[in-house]
Amino acid sequence: MGSIAGLIILSASSRQPIISTPFRPPSRQYVYTHTFLSALDAASDSSSISRGPASPTAQLDPVLWVDETAGVCCWLQKGGLWFLICIDKEDNPLIGFRFLEVFLSILEGYIGDISESHLKSCFDIVYQLLEEMLDEGYPQTTEANILRDLVLPPSLLSKVLDVAGVSGLGPPSTHVPFSSSIPWRRSDVKHSSNEIFFDFVESVQSTVDRRGNTKRMTRSGRVDCNARLSGTPDLILTLTNPSAVSTPAFHPCVRLARYLKDQALSFVPPDGMFKLMDYIISRPSHPSDSSAVGNRGEDNETGVRFVTKVKLSERGGTFSLTVLPTHLSRPIEGAVVKWFLGHDVALEKVSATLSPGGSNEAEVGRWEVDGIEKTLIWKLPTLNPRSTARNLSGSFVTSSTEPLPDPTIHLSYTIHQASISQVRIAQLKVSNLGGPGGKGGQQQPKVFRGVRGRVEALVEARW
């Protein structure tokens, strides 16, 4: 098995490396950077003459071949920065992407929002994290709880001391790293109150035709957890409708043997936020529960009907986009329609209307054209279960003989307190909880439990 050759963080504005791990030989860094920037320039040239989003990175393959010696370069963009992970040709590129995902998640926990200015102000933190997480090209310590013992998070006091040029006066750490027998949890966790929160997030991605009929649909979900429990608690979580959970992927804390036995999740949770599990929703479930998104078949499972009509002509065309809520029990929030029009397109006579009547912005939303991305953006207001259809129609012109708008139009939205699979918490048992009353006390401490759910939908209409 090969190893990760290194990590490079590039500025999207200056296109220069900001942070880089050591490479052997050092010239490898230039090879990877040059390969990525050359591919980016080529994608920028091709995007100007083809259909698709105007951003060059949208045309760029996520895995770039370098050469027989250097292997491949995997990349992703976040916060105005490009993160390049370089791996051997024998390795699966998913290893690189997974390491990037974990690294960025931990980095956000240390410095907050990831941006060029934040990275430059926390150079020492970033390099210390890379030193602990990547040892001679192999991922090592990737658990946030352990890393916080090895690399102290930045604080206001530490920043003041650094500016003053004083070191060694920070608050001493009384915890010994690696003293816990559980890799993802420290042994001396204490909280003034015991709380645990669960977020059930389900995603629906569907492809519809111009009439709004569903042609393809994928459903998946995840359970995010935020545990603030003292001691070393042992939890047993049982779910409602477990038959809807297919191909689950668990956090290492979950005991797989117990789940295979009776589909119960038995685990000692990390302290703080973590993702408990991912899963695929095997089949739609529509009981009479009021939190369900829909109850009349797959076509309405997304909660809306998205109808598109586009007619092209010489040097222009017309369009009509209609969004109609269907069989909802919860309101749709944050609905946004995006459509890449082309690099030299101008809109004419655009109007948004409400069926059967009405055209004020509070009812039909507002639309705009992103001058950089050349994308039509229509932001709709909250759609209640009894809302009528919203329509955006108009015409556009272009200097090209044949207009080249994107053949797909995207609609994204969120439905809070909703579920497709009806997977929820049936029972939660907590034992071995530290704090007053726990571990030898007369009474087990009380645990506050919070549960939320939401559906995130993305509808791709092909006209």
Protein backbone atom coordinates (compact mmCIF):
# COMPACT_ATOMS: atom_id res chain seq x y z
CA MET A 1 0.00 0.00 0.00
CA GLY A 2 1.28 3.47 -0.92
CA SER A 3 0.94 6.64 1.11
CA ILE A 4 -0.21 10.25 0.87
CA ALA A 5 2.59 12.21 -0.75
CA GLY A 6 1.48 15.48 0.81
CA LEU A 7 -1.07 18.26 1.14
CA ILE A 8 -0.99 21.66 -0.59
CA ILE A 9 -3.29 24.60 0.18
CA LEU A 10 -3.51 27.13 -2.66
CA SER A 11 -4.98 30.62 -2.61
CA ALA A 12 -7.71 30.94 -5.23
CA SER A 13 -6.91 34.64 -5.68
CA SER A 14 -3.11 34.57 -5.98
CA ARG A 15 -2.87 30.91 -7.15
CA GLN A 16 0.15 30.53 -4.85
CA PRO A 17 0.71 27.89 -2.14
CA ILE A 18 -0.09 29.10 1.38
CA ILE A 19 0.64 25.93 3.33
CA SER A 20 2.33 22.72 2.23
CA THR A 21 3.57 19.57 3.90
CA PRO A 22 7.14 18.42 3.13
CA PHE A 23 7.59 16.56 -0.16
CA ARG A 24 10.29 14.11 -1.17
CA PRO A 25 11.86 15.31 -3.38
CA PRO A 26 10.82 18.97 -2.80
CA SER A 27 10.32 19.46 -6.56
CA ARG A 28 7.19 17.27 -6.33
CA GLN A 29 5.27 20.21 -4.87
CA TYR A 30 5.82 22.21 -8.06
CA VAL A 31 4.77 19.23 -10.21
CA TYR A 32 1.44 18.81 -8.42
CA THR A 33 0.72 22.55 -8.32
CA HIS A 34 1.59 23.01 -12.00
CA THR A 35 -0.60 20.04 -13.00
CA PHE A 36 -3.60 21.40 -11.12
CA LEU A 37 -3.28 24.99 -12.38
CA SER A 38 -2.75 23.82 -15.97
CA ALA A 39 -5.88 21.66 -15.77
CA LEU A 40 -7.77 24.60 -14.25
CA ASP A 41 -6.75 26.89 -17.12
CA ALA A 42 -7.77 24.26 -19.67
CA ALA A 43 -11.16 23.85 -17.97
CA SER A 44 -11.62 27.62 -18.00
CA ASP A 45 -11.04 27.72 -21.76
CA SER A 46 -13.43 24.84 -22.46
CA SER A 47 -16.21 26.23 -20.24
CA SER A 48 -16.35 29.40 -22.34
CA ILE A 49 -17.41 27.45 -25.44
CA SER A 50 -19.65 24.75 -23.98
CA ARG A 51 -22.84 24.39 -22.02
CA GLY A 52 -22.46 24.27 -18.28
CA PRO A 53 -21.69 26.47 -15.29
CA ALA A 54 -19.29 29.33 -15.88
CA SER A 55 -17.00 28.37 -12.98
CA PRO A 56 -13.88 26.59 -14.32
CA THR A 57 -13.79 24.25 -11.32
CA ALA A 58 -17.21 22.89 -12.34
CA GLN A 59 -15.56 21.54 -15.52
CA LEU A 60 -12.51 20.13 -13.71
CA ASP A 61 -12.20 16.45 -12.84
CA PRO A 62 -11.87 15.85 -9.08
CA VAL A 63 -8.96 13.43 -9.66
CA LEU A 64 -6.10 14.56 -11.92
CA TRP A 65 -3.46 12.23 -13.31
CA VAL A 66 0.07 13.60 -12.84
CA ASP A 67 2.54 10.97 -14.06
CA GLU A 68 3.76 7.44 -13.36
CA THR A 69 6.06 8.58 -10.56
CA ALA A 70 3.96 11.26 -8.86
CA GLY A 71 0.61 9.45 -9.06
CA VAL A 72 -2.61 11.46 -8.89
CA CYS A 73 -3.80 14.73 -7.39
CA CYS A 74 -7.21 14.99 -5.68
CA TRP A 75 -8.63 18.42 -4.95
CA LEU A 76 -11.58 20.29 -3.49
CA GLN A 77 -12.45 23.95 -2.97
CA LYS A 78 -13.55 25.57 0.28
CA GLY A 79 -13.54 29.12 1.59
CA GLY A 80 -11.72 30.60 -1.41
CA LEU A 81 -8.94 28.01 -1.12
CA TRP A 82 -7.94 24.95 -3.11
CA PHE A 83 -6.90 21.89 -1.13
CA LEU A 84 -4.74 19.43 -3.07
CA ILE A 85 -4.06 15.96 -1.71
CA CYS A 86 -1.42 13.96 -3.56
CA ILE A 87 -1.46 10.15 -3.41
CA ASP A 88 0.30 7.23 -5.06
CA LYS A 89 -1.16 5.78 -8.23
CA GLU A 90 -1.85 2.40 -6.54
CA ASP A 91 -4.11 3.95 -3.88
CA ASN A 92 -7.83 4.58 -4.03
CA PRO A 93 -8.48 8.34 -4.45
CA LEU A 94 -11.25 8.04 -1.86
CA ILE A 95 -8.49 7.75 0.76
CA GLY A 96 -7.36 11.25 -0.13
CA PHE A 97 -10.86 12.71 -0.15
CA ARG A 98 -11.68 11.09 3.18
CA PHE A 99 -8.54 12.52 4.77
CA LEU A 100 -9.41 15.97 3.39
CA GLU A 101 -12.93 15.71 4.79
CA VAL A 102 -11.66 14.80 8.27
CA PHE A 103 -8.90 17.43 8.18
CA LEU A 104 -11.28 20.24 7.17
CA SER A 105 -13.83 19.21 9.79
CA ILE A 106 -11.20 19.31 12.55
CA LEU A 107 -9.71 22.54 11.21
CA GLU A 108 -13.13 24.23 11.36
CA GLY A 109 -13.39 23.19 15.00
CA TYR A 110 -10.11 24.99 15.70
CA ILE A 111 -10.26 28.20 13.64
CA GLY A 112 -13.95 28.53 12.71
CA ASP A 113 -14.79 29.44 9.13
CA ILE A 114 -12.05 28.39 6.74
CA SER A 115 -10.63 31.32 4.80
CA GLU A 116 -7.26 32.60 3.65
CA SER A 117 -7.09 35.22 6.41
CA HIS A 118 -7.94 32.69 9.13
CA LEU A 119 -5.30 30.27 7.88
CA LYS A 120 -2.63 32.97 7.80
CA SER A 121 -3.43 33.99 11.37
CA CYS A 122 -3.26 30.37 12.57
CA PHE A 123 -0.24 29.02 10.68
CA ASP A 124 1.12 27.30 13.78
CA ILE A 125 -2.18 25.54 14.51
CA VAL A 126 -2.52 24.24 10.94
CA TYR A 127 1.03 22.91 10.82
CA GLN A 128 0.71 21.26 14.23
CA LEU A 129 -2.50 19.53 13.16
CA LEU A 130 -0.87 18.27 9.96
CA GLU A 131 2.12 17.05 11.97
CA GLU A 132 -0.13 14.96 14.23
CA MET A 133 -2.62 13.79 11.59
CA LEU A 134 -0.15 12.82 8.85
CA ASP A 135 2.99 10.91 9.79
CA GLU A 136 5.36 10.10 6.92
CA GLY A 137 2.42 10.07 4.53
CA TYR A 138 0.16 7.84 6.63
CA PRO A 139 -2.94 9.15 8.48
CA GLN A 140 -2.40 8.76 12.22
CA THR A 141 -4.35 10.70 14.86
CA THR A 142 -7.66 11.83 13.35
CA GLU A 143 -9.90 11.95 16.44
CA ALA A 144 -10.75 15.52 17.48
CA ASN A 145 -10.82 14.71 21.21
CA ILE A 146 -7.25 13.37 21.16
CA LEU A 147 -5.97 16.18 18.95
CA ARG A 148 -7.26 18.78 21.42
CA ASP A 149 -4.89 17.32 24.02
CA LEU A 150 -1.95 17.41 21.61
CA VAL A 151 -2.69 20.72 19.86
CA LEU A 152 -4.31 23.31 22.10
CA PRO A 153 -7.07 25.30 20.35
CA PRO A 154 -6.35 29.02 19.93
CA SER A 155 -7.75 31.29 22.64
CA LEU A 156 -7.81 35.04 23.23
CA LEU A 157 -5.13 34.69 25.93
CA SER A 158 -2.81 32.67 23.69
CA LYS A 159 -3.19 35.20 20.86
CA VAL A 160 -2.34 38.11 23.18
CA LEU A 161 0.71 36.26 24.49
CA ASP A 162 1.86 35.44 20.96
CA VAL A 163 1.62 39.10 19.92
CA ALA A 164 3.57 40.10 23.03
CA GLY A 165 6.22 37.49 22.25
CA VAL A 166 5.63 35.63 25.52
CA SER A 167 5.41 31.84 25.62
CA GLY A 168 4.82 29.25 28.29
CA LEU A 169 2.27 31.28 30.29
CA GLY A 170 -0.86 29.64 28.93
CA PRO A 171 -3.19 27.60 31.13
CA PRO A 172 -1.58 24.26 31.99
CA SER A 173 -3.21 21.08 30.75
CA THR A 174 -3.94 18.57 33.50
CA HIS A 175 -4.86 15.83 31.06
CA VAL A 176 -2.29 13.33 29.83
CA PRO A 177 -2.68 12.56 26.09
CA PHE A 178 -3.51 8.95 25.16
CA SER A 179 -4.40 8.13 28.78
CA SER A 180 -7.86 6.87 27.80
CA SER A 181 -8.42 3.31 26.61
CA ILE A 182 -11.07 4.63 24.19
CA PRO A 183 -9.42 6.37 21.21
CA TRP A 184 -12.27 8.81 20.54
CA ARG A 185 -13.00 9.90 24.12
CA ARG A 186 -10.99 11.33 27.00
CA SER A 187 -11.16 9.68 30.40
CA ASP A 188 -11.93 12.78 32.49
CA VAL A 189 -14.84 14.42 30.68
CA LYS A 190 -17.00 16.55 32.98
CA HIS A 191 -20.06 18.67 32.22
CA SER A 192 -22.25 20.72 34.53
CA SER A 193 -25.33 19.18 32.89
CA ASN A 194 -25.73 16.03 30.81
CA GLU A 195 -27.21 16.61 27.36
CA ILE A 196 -27.28 14.80 24.05
CA PHE A 197 -28.76 16.05 20.78
CA PHE A 198 -29.60 14.13 17.60
CA ASP A 199 -30.16 15.56 14.12
CA PHE A 200 -31.78 13.24 11.57
CA VAL A 201 -30.96 14.72 8.16
CA GLU A 202 -32.39 13.00 5.09
CA SER A 203 -31.50 13.95 1.53
CA VAL A 204 -33.51 13.42 -1.63
CA GLN A 205 -32.00 13.87 -5.08
CA SER A 206 -34.35 13.44 -8.00
CA THR A 207 -34.30 13.92 -11.75
CA VAL A 208 -37.54 15.01 -13.41
CA ASP A 209 -38.61 15.62 -16.99
CA ARG A 210 -40.07 18.84 -18.33
CA ARG A 211 -43.54 17.90 -17.05
CA GLY A 212 -42.28 17.31 -13.53
CA ASN A 213 -42.51 13.50 -13.63
CA THR A 214 -39.82 11.76 -11.58
CA LYS A 215 -37.42 9.66 -13.66
CA ARG A 216 -34.81 8.87 -11.03
CA MET A 217 -34.56 9.33 -7.29
CA THR A 218 -32.00 8.57 -4.60
CA ARG A 219 -32.61 8.81 -0.86
CA SER A 220 -30.04 8.87 1.90
CA GLY A 221 -29.75 10.00 5.48
CA ARG A 222 -27.37 10.66 8.31
CA VAL A 223 -27.55 11.07 12.07
CA ASP A 224 -25.48 13.89 13.56
CA CYS A 225 -24.92 13.85 17.28
CA ASN A 226 -23.73 16.36 19.87
CA ALA A 227 -22.96 14.60 23.16
CA ARG A 228 -22.22 16.52 26.35
CA LEU A 229 -22.13 13.67 28.84
CA SER A 230 -19.83 13.28 31.84
CA GLY A 231 -17.69 10.25 32.54
CA THR A 232 -17.68 7.32 30.12
CA PRO A 233 -21.36 6.84 29.27
CA ASP A 234 -22.60 3.74 27.49
CA LEU A 235 -25.62 4.29 25.24
CA ILE A 236 -28.08 1.91 23.60
CA LEU A 237 -30.18 3.52 20.87
CA THR A 238 -33.06 1.79 19.11
CA LEU A 239 -34.72 3.25 16.02
CA THR A 240 -38.23 3.25 14.67
CA ASN A 241 -38.73 1.67 11.24
CA PRO A 242 -35.20 0.15 11.09
CA SER A 243 -36.12 -1.74 7.92
CA ALA A 244 -35.81 1.55 6.01
CA VAL A 245 -32.10 1.76 6.89
CA SER A 246 -29.95 0.14 4.21
CA THR A 247 -26.15 -0.06 3.88
CA PRO A 248 -25.38 1.85 7.10
CA ALA A 249 -21.91 3.27 7.78
CA PHE A 250 -21.14 3.91 11.44
CA HIS A 251 -18.76 5.95 13.52
CA PRO A 252 -16.04 3.68 15.00
CA CYS A 253 -17.70 4.00 18.42
CA VAL A 254 -20.69 1.87 17.35
CA ARG A 255 -20.46 -1.83 18.22
CA LEU A 256 -21.16 -3.54 14.92
CA ALA A 257 -21.82 -6.98 16.41
CA ARG A 258 -24.67 -5.63 18.53
CA TYR A 259 -26.25 -3.86 15.54
CA LEU A 260 -26.11 -7.01 13.42
CA LYS A 261 -27.79 -8.91 16.25
CA ASP A 262 -30.86 -6.74 16.95
CA GLN A 263 -30.32 -3.47 14.97
CA ALA A 264 -29.64 -1.54 18.18
CA LEU A 265 -26.84 1.03 18.26
CA SER A 266 -24.63 0.43 21.29
CA PHE A 267 -21.78 2.90 21.70
CA VAL A 268 -19.65 5.10 23.94
CA PRO A 269 -19.94 8.50 22.22
CA PRO A 270 -17.13 10.98 21.60
CA ASP A 271 -17.36 14.21 23.53
CA GLY A 272 -18.90 16.92 21.37
CA MET A 273 -20.17 16.82 17.80
CA PHE A 274 -19.76 13.80 15.54
CA LYS A 275 -21.58 11.89 12.81
CA LEU A 276 -23.09 8.75 14.27
CA MET A 277 -24.11 7.05 11.03
CA ASP A 278 -24.86 7.37 7.32
CA TYR A 279 -27.44 5.24 5.57
CA ILE A 280 -29.36 4.74 2.36
CA ILE A 281 -33.15 4.77 2.56
CA SER A 282 -34.06 1.43 1.06
CA ARG A 283 -37.68 2.17 0.23
CA PRO A 284 -40.14 5.00 0.81
CA SER A 285 -42.29 4.71 3.88
CA HIS A 286 -45.52 6.69 4.15
CA PRO A 287 -47.31 6.00 7.42
CA SER A 288 -49.98 8.35 8.65
CA ASP A 289 -47.46 10.28 10.77
CA SER A 290 -47.94 14.01 10.25
CA SER A 291 -44.20 14.56 9.83
CA ALA A 292 -44.06 12.67 6.54
CA VAL A 293 -43.20 14.70 3.45
CA GLY A 294 -45.75 13.13 1.18
CA ASN A 295 -48.10 10.20 0.97
CA ARG A 296 -49.05 9.67 -2.64
CA GLY A 297 -46.26 7.86 -4.39
CA GLU A 298 -42.71 8.53 -5.49
CA ASP A 299 -43.54 11.43 -7.80
CA ASN A 300 -44.68 13.50 -4.84
CA GLU A 301 -42.07 12.33 -2.35
CA THR A 302 -39.95 15.43 -2.93
CA GLY A 303 -42.86 17.59 -1.79
CA VAL A 304 -43.06 19.73 -4.95
CA ARG A 305 -43.79 19.45 -8.64
CA PHE A 306 -41.24 21.29 -10.77
CA VAL A 307 -42.38 21.97 -14.35
CA THR A 308 -40.08 23.58 -16.91
CA LYS A 309 -40.79 24.87 -20.41
CA VAL A 310 -37.90 26.16 -22.50
CA LYS A 311 -38.10 27.04 -26.19
CA LEU A 312 -34.98 28.05 -28.08
CA SER A 313 -34.88 30.18 -31.20
CA GLU A 314 -32.20 31.93 -33.20
CA ARG A 315 -30.28 34.28 -30.87
CA GLY A 316 -32.62 33.76 -27.94
CA GLY A 317 -35.52 31.87 -26.44
CA THR A 318 -38.33 31.83 -23.87
CA PHE A 319 -38.77 29.98 -20.59
CA SER A 320 -41.39 29.22 -17.95
CA LEU A 321 -40.56 27.68 -14.56
CA THR A 322 -43.35 26.53 -12.23
CA VAL A 323 -43.01 25.33 -8.62
CA LEU A 324 -46.11 23.71 -7.08
CA PRO A 325 -46.19 22.22 -3.53
CA THR A 326 -47.85 18.78 -3.46
CA HIS A 327 -49.24 16.90 -0.46
CA LEU A 328 -47.11 18.59 2.17
CA SER A 329 -47.66 18.62 5.91
CA ARG A 330 -44.72 20.97 6.58
CA PRO A 331 -43.68 24.24 4.89
CA ILE A 332 -40.87 24.37 2.36
CA GLU A 333 -38.11 26.80 3.31
CA GLY A 334 -35.10 28.21 1.50
CA ALA A 335 -36.30 27.18 -1.98
CA VAL A 336 -33.88 28.36 -4.68
CA VAL A 337 -33.97 27.75 -8.44
CA LYS A 338 -30.68 28.03 -10.36
CA TRP A 339 -30.17 27.90 -14.11
CA PHE A 340 -26.98 28.60 -16.04
CA LEU A 341 -28.05 30.69 -19.04
CA GLY A 342 -24.82 30.99 -21.02
CA HIS A 343 -21.83 33.28 -21.17
CA ASP A 344 -23.38 36.02 -23.32
CA VAL A 345 -27.08 35.93 -22.44
CA ALA A 346 -29.25 38.87 -21.38
CA LEU A 347 -32.77 38.52 -19.93
CA GLU A 348 -35.79 40.38 -21.29
CA LYS A 349 -39.34 40.78 -20.00
CA VAL A 350 -39.01 38.53 -16.94
CA SER A 351 -42.01 38.30 -14.60
CA ALA A 352 -42.88 36.22 -11.54
CA THR A 353 -46.52 35.42 -10.85
CA LEU A 354 -48.66 33.54 -8.35
CA SER A 355 -51.43 31.26 -9.55
CA PRO A 356 -54.27 32.20 -9.82
CA GLY A 357 -53.11 35.82 -9.37
CA GLY A 358 -50.60 38.07 -7.64
CA SER A 359 -47.10 39.23 -8.42
CA ASN A 360 -45.67 41.00 -5.36
CA GLU A 361 -42.22 39.95 -4.20
CA ALA A 362 -43.38 38.67 -0.81
CA GLU A 363 -45.57 36.07 -2.54
CA VAL A 364 -43.54 35.01 -5.57
CA GLY A 365 -39.99 35.70 -4.39
CA ARG A 366 -37.28 37.62 -6.19
CA TRP A 367 -34.98 36.78 -9.05
CA GLU A 368 -31.55 37.98 -10.12
CA VAL A 369 -28.71 37.08 -12.48
CA ASP A 370 -25.27 36.34 -11.06
CA GLY A 371 -22.98 38.39 -13.28
CA ILE A 372 -19.96 36.19 -12.57
CA GLU A 373 -21.54 32.74 -12.77
CA LYS A 374 -24.01 33.82 -15.49
CA THR A 375 -26.73 32.03 -13.56
CA LEU A 376 -30.40 32.91 -13.11
CA ILE A 377 -31.28 32.67 -9.40
CA TRP A 378 -34.90 32.63 -8.23
CA LYS A 379 -35.36 32.73 -4.45
CA LEU A 380 -38.85 31.73 -3.39
CA PRO A 381 -40.56 32.60 -0.10
CA THR A 382 -41.66 29.95 2.38
CA LEU A 383 -44.18 27.64 0.69
CA ASN A 384 -46.93 26.40 2.98
CA PRO A 385 -48.82 23.13 2.42
CA ARG A 386 -51.74 25.04 0.88
CA SER A 387 -49.62 27.36 -1.26
CA THR A 388 -50.50 27.67 -4.92
CA ALA A 389 -48.11 27.48 -7.86
CA ARG A 390 -45.34 30.05 -8.35
CA ASN A 391 -44.23 30.83 -11.89
CA LEU A 392 -41.24 32.64 -13.34
CA SER A 393 -41.34 33.28 -17.08
CA GLY A 394 -39.56 35.48 -19.55
CA SER A 395 -37.32 35.64 -22.60
CA PHE A 396 -33.61 35.98 -23.21
CA VAL A 397 -31.33 37.03 -26.04
CA THR A 398 -27.76 36.13 -26.91
CA SER A 399 -25.16 37.25 -29.39
CA SER A 400 -24.57 33.64 -30.45
CA THR A 401 -26.52 32.17 -33.34
CA GLU A 402 -27.36 29.11 -31.23
CA PRO A 403 -28.07 29.74 -27.51
CA LEU A 404 -26.33 27.31 -25.14
CA PRO A 405 -28.17 27.37 -21.79
CA ASP A 406 -27.62 24.50 -19.39
CA PRO A 407 -30.02 21.63 -20.23
CA THR A 408 -30.63 21.11 -16.50
CA ILE A 409 -32.35 23.45 -14.02
CA HIS A 410 -31.87 22.88 -10.28
CA LEU A 411 -34.31 23.43 -7.43
CA SER A 412 -33.10 23.04 -3.83
CA TYR A 413 -35.03 23.47 -0.58
CA THR A 414 -35.38 22.27 3.01
CA ILE A 415 -38.34 20.90 4.98
CA HIS A 416 -37.83 21.06 8.74
CA GLN A 417 -39.34 18.57 11.19
CA ALA A 418 -40.00 16.17 8.31
CA SER A 419 -38.92 12.66 7.39
CA ILE A 420 -39.11 10.34 4.42
CA SER A 421 -38.08 7.08 6.05
CA GLN A 422 -39.74 7.77 9.42
CA VAL A 423 -36.49 6.70 11.11
CA ARG A 424 -36.55 8.21 14.57
CA ILE A 425 -35.49 7.39 18.12
CA ALA A 426 -37.66 4.70 19.68
CA GLN A 427 -35.68 4.38 22.92
CA LEU A 428 -32.42 5.67 24.38
CA LYS A 429 -30.79 4.04 27.41
CA VAL A 430 -27.82 5.67 29.14
CA SER A 431 -25.66 3.88 31.71
CA ASN A 432 -22.30 4.40 33.42
CA LEU A 433 -22.83 8.14 33.43
CA GLY A 434 -20.44 10.27 35.48
CA GLY A 435 -21.32 13.27 37.61
CA PRO A 436 -23.44 13.63 40.77
CA GLY A 437 -25.45 10.48 41.33
CA GLY A 438 -23.58 8.44 38.73
CA LYS A 439 -20.91 5.77 39.15
CA GLY A 440 -21.82 4.51 42.54
CA GLY A 441 -24.39 7.17 43.38
CA GLN A 442 -27.87 6.30 44.49
CA GLN A 443 -29.53 7.65 41.36
CA GLN A 444 -28.53 7.91 37.71
CA PRO A 445 -28.20 11.57 36.63
CA LYS A 446 -30.89 12.91 34.35
CA VAL A 447 -30.04 13.32 30.67
CA PHE A 448 -31.69 15.94 28.49
CA ARG A 449 -32.36 14.61 25.01
CA GLY A 450 -33.04 16.76 21.96
CA VAL A 451 -34.13 15.40 18.58
CA ARG A 452 -34.60 17.27 15.31
CA GLY A 453 -35.22 16.19 11.75
CA ARG A 454 -35.20 17.76 8.32
CA VAL A 455 -35.30 16.84 4.65
CA GLU A 456 -32.89 18.44 2.18
CA ALA A 457 -34.04 18.09 -1.42
CA LEU A 458 -32.37 18.73 -4.77
CA VAL A 459 -34.49 18.43 -7.90
CA GLU A 460 -32.80 18.41 -11.30
CA ALA A 461 -35.18 19.21 -14.15
CA ARG A 462 -34.15 18.31 -17.69
CA TRP A 463 -36.06 20.26 -20.27
